Amino acid sequence: MFTKSKRDNTMSKQSSATASTAKPQRPGPPSIVAADMRIVGDLETEGDAQIDGRIDGDLRTRTVTIGQGATINGSICGETIRISGTVNGEVRGGTVILTATAKVIGDIHHKSLSIDAGAFLQGLCKRMAADAPDAKGTSPGLVTHQPEKSGTDAASTTATVTALS
């Protein structure tokens, strides 16, 4: 009565085989921080995020949109980052887009960067290469040569940098 039959065993094997070959699930709806919401602390999601409120902390996500009235006081890290609001901190992303209403105070590390006319940026923009720099800070495809002095004058010092492809 309470023992498994052959039929139950066969059914469970078929259902586990079906589960392992099933398609990956589609990403769910984006996580939303509404305009009247304030978060103190770090926020991390594997999906998409829409921020219209205020975050006092770091944000890690796949794709994020910072709305026009939003404020982020902390770093942002993601694959695609679209900023229309205010960010006070470092931005790291594959694709970073600053719209005309964006205000960013901090450095931007990117693979692709788009800045609309009217956007405010105070900080450095650094392109991330496909091959990350090694511990010495030089890229594997870059060879630097020591300066050559052609005289005692500091103005006559030259350096040569050669990029390898």
C-alpha atoms as a PDB file:
ATOM      1  CA  MET A   1       0.000   0.000   0.000  1.00  0.00           C
ATOM      2  CA  PHE A   2       2.726   2.494   0.925  1.00  0.00           C
ATOM      3  CA  THR A   3       5.492   1.082  -1.259  1.00  0.00           C
ATOM      4  CA  LYS A   4       6.578   2.490  -4.581  1.00  0.00           C
ATOM      5  CA  SER A   5       5.506   0.573  -7.603  1.00  0.00           C
ATOM      6  CA  LYS A   6       7.444   0.195 -10.833  1.00  0.00           C
ATOM      7  CA  ARG A   7       5.122   2.677 -12.463  1.00  0.00           C
ATOM      8  CA  ASP A   8       5.899   5.358  -9.820  1.00  0.00           C
ATOM      9  CA  ASN A   9       9.651   4.828 -10.321  1.00  0.00           C
ATOM     10  CA  THR A  10       9.313   5.189 -14.101  1.00  0.00           C
ATOM     11  CA  MET A  11       7.229   8.362 -13.734  1.00  0.00           C
ATOM     12  CA  SER A  12       9.724  10.002 -11.364  1.00  0.00           C
ATOM     13  CA  LYS A  13      12.632   9.196 -13.727  1.00  0.00           C
ATOM     14  CA  GLN A  14      10.745  10.743 -16.650  1.00  0.00           C
ATOM     15  CA  SER A  15       9.856  13.877 -14.704  1.00  0.00           C
ATOM     16  CA  SER A  16      13.453  14.390 -13.529  1.00  0.00           C
ATOM     17  CA  ALA A  17      14.715  13.965 -17.117  1.00  0.00           C
ATOM     18  CA  THR A  18      12.174  16.521 -18.314  1.00  0.00           C
ATOM     19  CA  ALA A  19      13.172  18.976 -15.578  1.00  0.00           C
ATOM     20  CA  SER A  20      16.859  18.783 -16.487  1.00  0.00           C
ATOM     21  CA  THR A  21      16.163  19.495 -20.197  1.00  0.00           C
ATOM     22  CA  ALA A  22      13.662  22.293 -19.555  1.00  0.00           C
ATOM     23  CA  LYS A  23      14.336  25.752 -20.976  1.00  0.00           C
ATOM     24  CA  PRO A  24      15.860  28.334 -18.624  1.00  0.00           C
ATOM     25  CA  GLN A  25      13.259  30.594 -17.092  1.00  0.00           C
ATOM     26  CA  ARG A  26      12.795  34.085 -18.474  1.00  0.00           C
ATOM     27  CA  PRO A  27      13.911  36.888 -16.208  1.00  0.00           C
ATOM     28  CA  GLY A  28      11.157  38.250 -14.025  1.00  0.00           C
ATOM     29  CA  PRO A  29       9.948  41.815 -13.851  1.00  0.00           C
ATOM     30  CA  PRO A  30      12.465  44.449 -12.712  1.00  0.00           C
ATOM     31  CA  SER A  31      12.925  45.288  -9.040  1.00  0.00           C
ATOM     32  CA  ILE A  32      11.592  48.798  -8.446  1.00  0.00           C
ATOM     33  CA  VAL A  33      12.588  51.359  -5.841  1.00  0.00           C
ATOM     34  CA  ALA A  34       9.718  53.861  -5.967  1.00  0.00           C
ATOM     35  CA  ALA A  35      10.174  57.634  -5.775  1.00  0.00           C
ATOM     36  CA  ASP A  36       8.968  57.760  -2.148  1.00  0.00           C
ATOM     37  CA  MET A  37      11.288  54.938  -1.016  1.00  0.00           C
ATOM     38  CA  ARG A  38      14.692  55.309   0.660  1.00  0.00           C
ATOM     39  CA  ILE A  39      17.052  52.374   1.153  1.00  0.00           C
ATOM     40  CA  VAL A  40      19.970  52.551   3.561  1.00  0.00           C
ATOM     41  CA  GLY A  41      22.346  49.698   2.775  1.00  0.00           C
ATOM     42  CA  ASP A  42      23.528  47.745  -0.236  1.00  0.00           C
ATOM     43  CA  LEU A  43      21.121  46.465  -2.861  1.00  0.00           C
ATOM     44  CA  GLU A  44      21.921  43.414  -5.000  1.00  0.00           C
ATOM     45  CA  THR A  45      19.834  41.628  -7.614  1.00  0.00           C
ATOM     46  CA  GLU A  46      20.596  39.213 -10.445  1.00  0.00           C
ATOM     47  CA  GLY A  47      17.906  40.748 -12.627  1.00  0.00           C
ATOM     48  CA  ASP A  48      16.960  44.234 -13.709  1.00  0.00           C
ATOM     49  CA  ALA A  49      16.299  47.226 -11.454  1.00  0.00           C
ATOM     50  CA  GLN A  50      14.480  50.535 -11.855  1.00  0.00           C
ATOM     51  CA  ILE A  51      15.482  53.125  -9.246  1.00  0.00           C
ATOM     52  CA  ASP A  52      13.309  56.199  -8.780  1.00  0.00           C
ATOM     53  CA  GLY A  53      13.953  56.754  -5.071  1.00  0.00           C
ATOM     54  CA  ARG A  54      17.103  57.116  -2.967  1.00  0.00           C
ATOM     55  CA  ILE A  55      19.759  54.529  -2.115  1.00  0.00           C
ATOM     56  CA  ASP A  56      22.459  55.222   0.465  1.00  0.00           C
ATOM     57  CA  GLY A  57      24.671  52.252  -0.335  1.00  0.00           C
ATOM     58  CA  ASP A  58      26.090  50.242  -3.201  1.00  0.00           C
ATOM     59  CA  LEU A  59      24.012  48.787  -6.025  1.00  0.00           C
ATOM     60  CA  ARG A  60      24.886  45.572  -7.925  1.00  0.00           C
ATOM     61  CA  THR A  61      22.600  44.429 -10.711  1.00  0.00           C
ATOM     62  CA  ARG A  62      22.552  43.135 -14.277  1.00  0.00           C
ATOM     63  CA  THR A  63      20.703  46.071 -15.828  1.00  0.00           C
ATOM     64  CA  VAL A  64      19.716  49.235 -13.982  1.00  0.00           C
ATOM     65  CA  THR A  65      17.889  52.429 -14.865  1.00  0.00           C
ATOM     66  CA  ILE A  66      18.367  55.368 -12.520  1.00  0.00           C
ATOM     67  CA  GLY A  67      15.310  57.606 -12.936  1.00  0.00           C
ATOM     68  CA  GLN A  68      15.379  61.383 -13.258  1.00  0.00           C
ATOM     69  CA  GLY A  69      14.444  62.027  -9.611  1.00  0.00           C
ATOM     70  CA  ALA A  70      16.595  59.225  -8.154  1.00  0.00           C
ATOM     71  CA  THR A  71      19.730  59.655  -6.021  1.00  0.00           C
ATOM     72  CA  ILE A  72      22.387  56.999  -5.427  1.00  0.00           C
ATOM     73  CA  ASN A  73      25.019  57.675  -2.757  1.00  0.00           C
ATOM     74  CA  GLY A  74      27.340  54.743  -3.392  1.00  0.00           C
ATOM     75  CA  SER A  75      28.839  52.718  -6.207  1.00  0.00           C
ATOM     76  CA  ILE A  76      26.915  51.079  -9.042  1.00  0.00           C
ATOM     77  CA  CYS A  77      28.033  47.898 -10.769  1.00  0.00           C
ATOM     78  CA  GLY A  78      26.195  46.205 -13.648  1.00  0.00           C
ATOM     79  CA  GLU A  79      26.220  45.125 -17.268  1.00  0.00           C
ATOM     80  CA  THR A  80      24.042  47.977 -18.535  1.00  0.00           C
ATOM     81  CA  ILE A  81      23.624  51.189 -16.544  1.00  0.00           C
ATOM     82  CA  ARG A  82      21.351  54.026 -17.700  1.00  0.00           C
ATOM     83  CA  ILE A  83      21.539  57.162 -15.543  1.00  0.00           C
ATOM     84  CA  SER A  84      19.015  60.002 -15.673  1.00  0.00           C
ATOM     85  CA  GLY A  85      19.266  61.002 -12.002  1.00  0.00           C
ATOM     86  CA  THR A  86      22.078  61.742  -9.520  1.00  0.00           C
ATOM     87  CA  VAL A  87      24.925  59.376  -8.637  1.00  0.00           C
ATOM     88  CA  ASN A  88      27.559  60.216  -6.016  1.00  0.00           C
ATOM     89  CA  GLY A  89      30.041  57.375  -6.366  1.00  0.00           C
ATOM     90  CA  GLU A  90      31.862  55.088  -8.745  1.00  0.00           C
ATOM     91  CA  VAL A  91      30.075  53.557 -11.745  1.00  0.00           C
ATOM     92  CA  ARG A  92      31.304  50.250 -13.249  1.00  0.00           C
ATOM     93  CA  GLY A  93      29.512  48.752 -16.212  1.00  0.00           C
ATOM     94  CA  GLY A  94      29.816  47.227 -19.639  1.00  0.00           C
ATOM     95  CA  THR A  95      27.524  49.841 -21.180  1.00  0.00           C
ATOM     96  CA  VAL A  96      27.038  53.144 -19.349  1.00  0.00           C
ATOM     97  CA  ILE A  97      24.566  55.727 -20.655  1.00  0.00           C
ATOM     98  CA  LEU A  98      24.255  59.238 -19.209  1.00  0.00           C
ATOM     99  CA  THR A  99      21.109  61.019 -20.355  1.00  0.00           C
ATOM    100  CA  ALA A 100      20.737  64.806 -20.547  1.00  0.00           C
ATOM    101  CA  THR A 101      19.419  64.986 -16.953  1.00  0.00           C
ATOM    102  CA  ALA A 102      22.191  62.829 -15.429  1.00  0.00           C
ATOM    103  CA  LYS A 103      24.484  64.155 -12.708  1.00  0.00           C
ATOM    104  CA  VAL A 104      27.437  61.907 -11.843  1.00  0.00           C
ATOM    105  CA  ILE A 105      30.118  62.811  -9.316  1.00  0.00           C
ATOM    106  CA  GLY A 106      32.603  59.961  -9.427  1.00  0.00           C
ATOM    107  CA  ASP A 107      34.670  57.855 -11.774  1.00  0.00           C
ATOM    108  CA  ILE A 108      33.133  55.780 -14.560  1.00  0.00           C
ATOM    109  CA  HIS A 109      34.722  52.471 -15.636  1.00  0.00           C
ATOM    110  CA  HIS A 110      33.119  51.244 -18.857  1.00  0.00           C
ATOM    111  CA  LYS A 111      33.449  49.228 -22.036  1.00  0.00           C
ATOM    112  CA  SER A 112      30.982  51.481 -23.861  1.00  0.00           C
ATOM    113  CA  LEU A 113      30.046  55.018 -22.781  1.00  0.00           C
ATOM    114  CA  SER A 114      27.371  57.348 -24.115  1.00  0.00           C
ATOM    115  CA  ILE A 115      26.933  60.892 -22.761  1.00  0.00           C
ATOM    116  CA  ASP A 116      24.020  63.017 -23.954  1.00  0.00           C
ATOM    117  CA  ALA A 117      24.370  66.796 -24.285  1.00  0.00           C
ATOM    118  CA  GLY A 118      23.458  68.417 -20.975  1.00  0.00           C
ATOM    119  CA  ALA A 119      24.669  65.575 -18.741  1.00  0.00           C
ATOM    120  CA  PHE A 120      26.918  66.585 -15.813  1.00  0.00           C
ATOM    121  CA  LEU A 121      29.996  64.485 -15.079  1.00  0.00           C
ATOM    122  CA  GLN A 122      32.693  65.263 -12.545  1.00  0.00           C
ATOM    123  CA  GLY A 123      35.208  62.441 -12.487  1.00  0.00           C
ATOM    124  CA  LEU A 124      37.369  60.261 -14.664  1.00  0.00           C
ATOM    125  CA  CYS A 125      36.146  58.045 -17.474  1.00  0.00           C
ATOM    126  CA  LYS A 126      38.188  54.885 -17.863  1.00  0.00           C
ATOM    127  CA  ARG A 127      37.636  52.332 -20.594  1.00  0.00           C
ATOM    128  CA  MET A 128      37.882  48.729 -19.406  1.00  0.00           C
ATOM    129  CA  ALA A 129      39.739  46.547 -21.883  1.00  0.00           C
ATOM    130  CA  ALA A 130      38.633  43.032 -22.762  1.00  0.00           C
ATOM    131  CA  ASP A 131      41.916  41.755 -21.316  1.00  0.00           C
ATOM    132  CA  ALA A 132      42.141  43.111 -17.779  1.00  0.00           C
ATOM    133  CA  PRO A 133      45.379  44.741 -16.650  1.00  0.00           C
ATOM    134  CA  ASP A 134      47.814  42.570 -14.746  1.00  0.00           C
ATOM    135  CA  ALA A 135      49.103  43.234 -11.216  1.00  0.00           C
ATOM    136  CA  LYS A 136      51.716  45.737 -12.443  1.00  0.00           C
ATOM    137  CA  GLY A 137      48.984  47.858 -14.016  1.00  0.00           C
ATOM    138  CA  THR A 138      50.087  47.343 -17.622  1.00  0.00           C
ATOM    139  CA  SER A 139      47.976  45.664 -20.219  1.00  0.00           C
ATOM    140  CA  PRO A 140      49.463  42.514 -21.807  1.00  0.00           C
ATOM    141  CA  GLY A 141      49.190  44.111 -25.278  1.00  0.00           C
ATOM    142  CA  LEU A 142      51.116  47.254 -24.329  1.00  0.00           C
ATOM    143  CA  VAL A 143      54.887  47.631 -24.288  1.00  0.00           C
ATOM    144  CA  THR A 144      56.452  50.700 -22.726  1.00  0.00           C
ATOM    145  CA  HIS A 145      60.004  51.839 -23.307  1.00  0.00           C
ATOM    146  CA  GLN A 146      62.092  53.796 -20.825  1.00  0.00           C
ATOM    147  CA  PRO A 147      62.500  57.508 -21.595  1.00  0.00           C
ATOM    148  CA  GLU A 148      65.445  58.420 -23.748  1.00  0.00           C
ATOM    149  CA  LYS A 149      67.374  61.523 -22.772  1.00  0.00           C
ATOM    150  CA  SER A 150      68.972  63.436 -25.601  1.00  0.00           C
ATOM    151  CA  GLY A 151      70.484  66.024 -23.308  1.00  0.00           C
ATOM    152  CA  THR A 152      70.516  67.342 -19.781  1.00  0.00           C
ATOM    153  CA  ASP A 153      67.399  69.404 -20.409  1.00  0.00           C
ATOM    154  CA  ALA A 154      64.169  67.903 -18.946  1.00  0.00           C
ATOM    155  CA  ALA A 155      62.223  69.221 -21.940  1.00  0.00           C
ATOM    156  CA  SER A 156      64.160  66.946 -24.281  1.00  0.00           C
ATOM    157  CA  THR A 157      63.025  63.741 -22.508  1.00  0.00           C
ATOM    158  CA  THR A 158      60.804  61.490 -24.676  1.00  0.00           C
ATOM    159  CA  ALA A 159      58.974  58.255 -24.076  1.00  0.00           C
ATOM    160  CA  THR A 160      57.757  55.701 -26.568  1.00  0.00           C
ATOM    161  CA  VAL A 161      54.652  53.535 -26.141  1.00  0.00           C
ATOM    162  CA  THR A 162      53.940  50.756 -28.593  1.00  0.00           C
ATOM    163  CA  ALA A 163      50.609  48.938 -28.766  1.00  0.00           C
ATOM    164  CA  LEU A 164      50.698  45.313 -29.872  1.00  0.00           C
ATOM    165  CA  SER A 165      47.777  43.783 -31.726  1.00  0.00           C
END
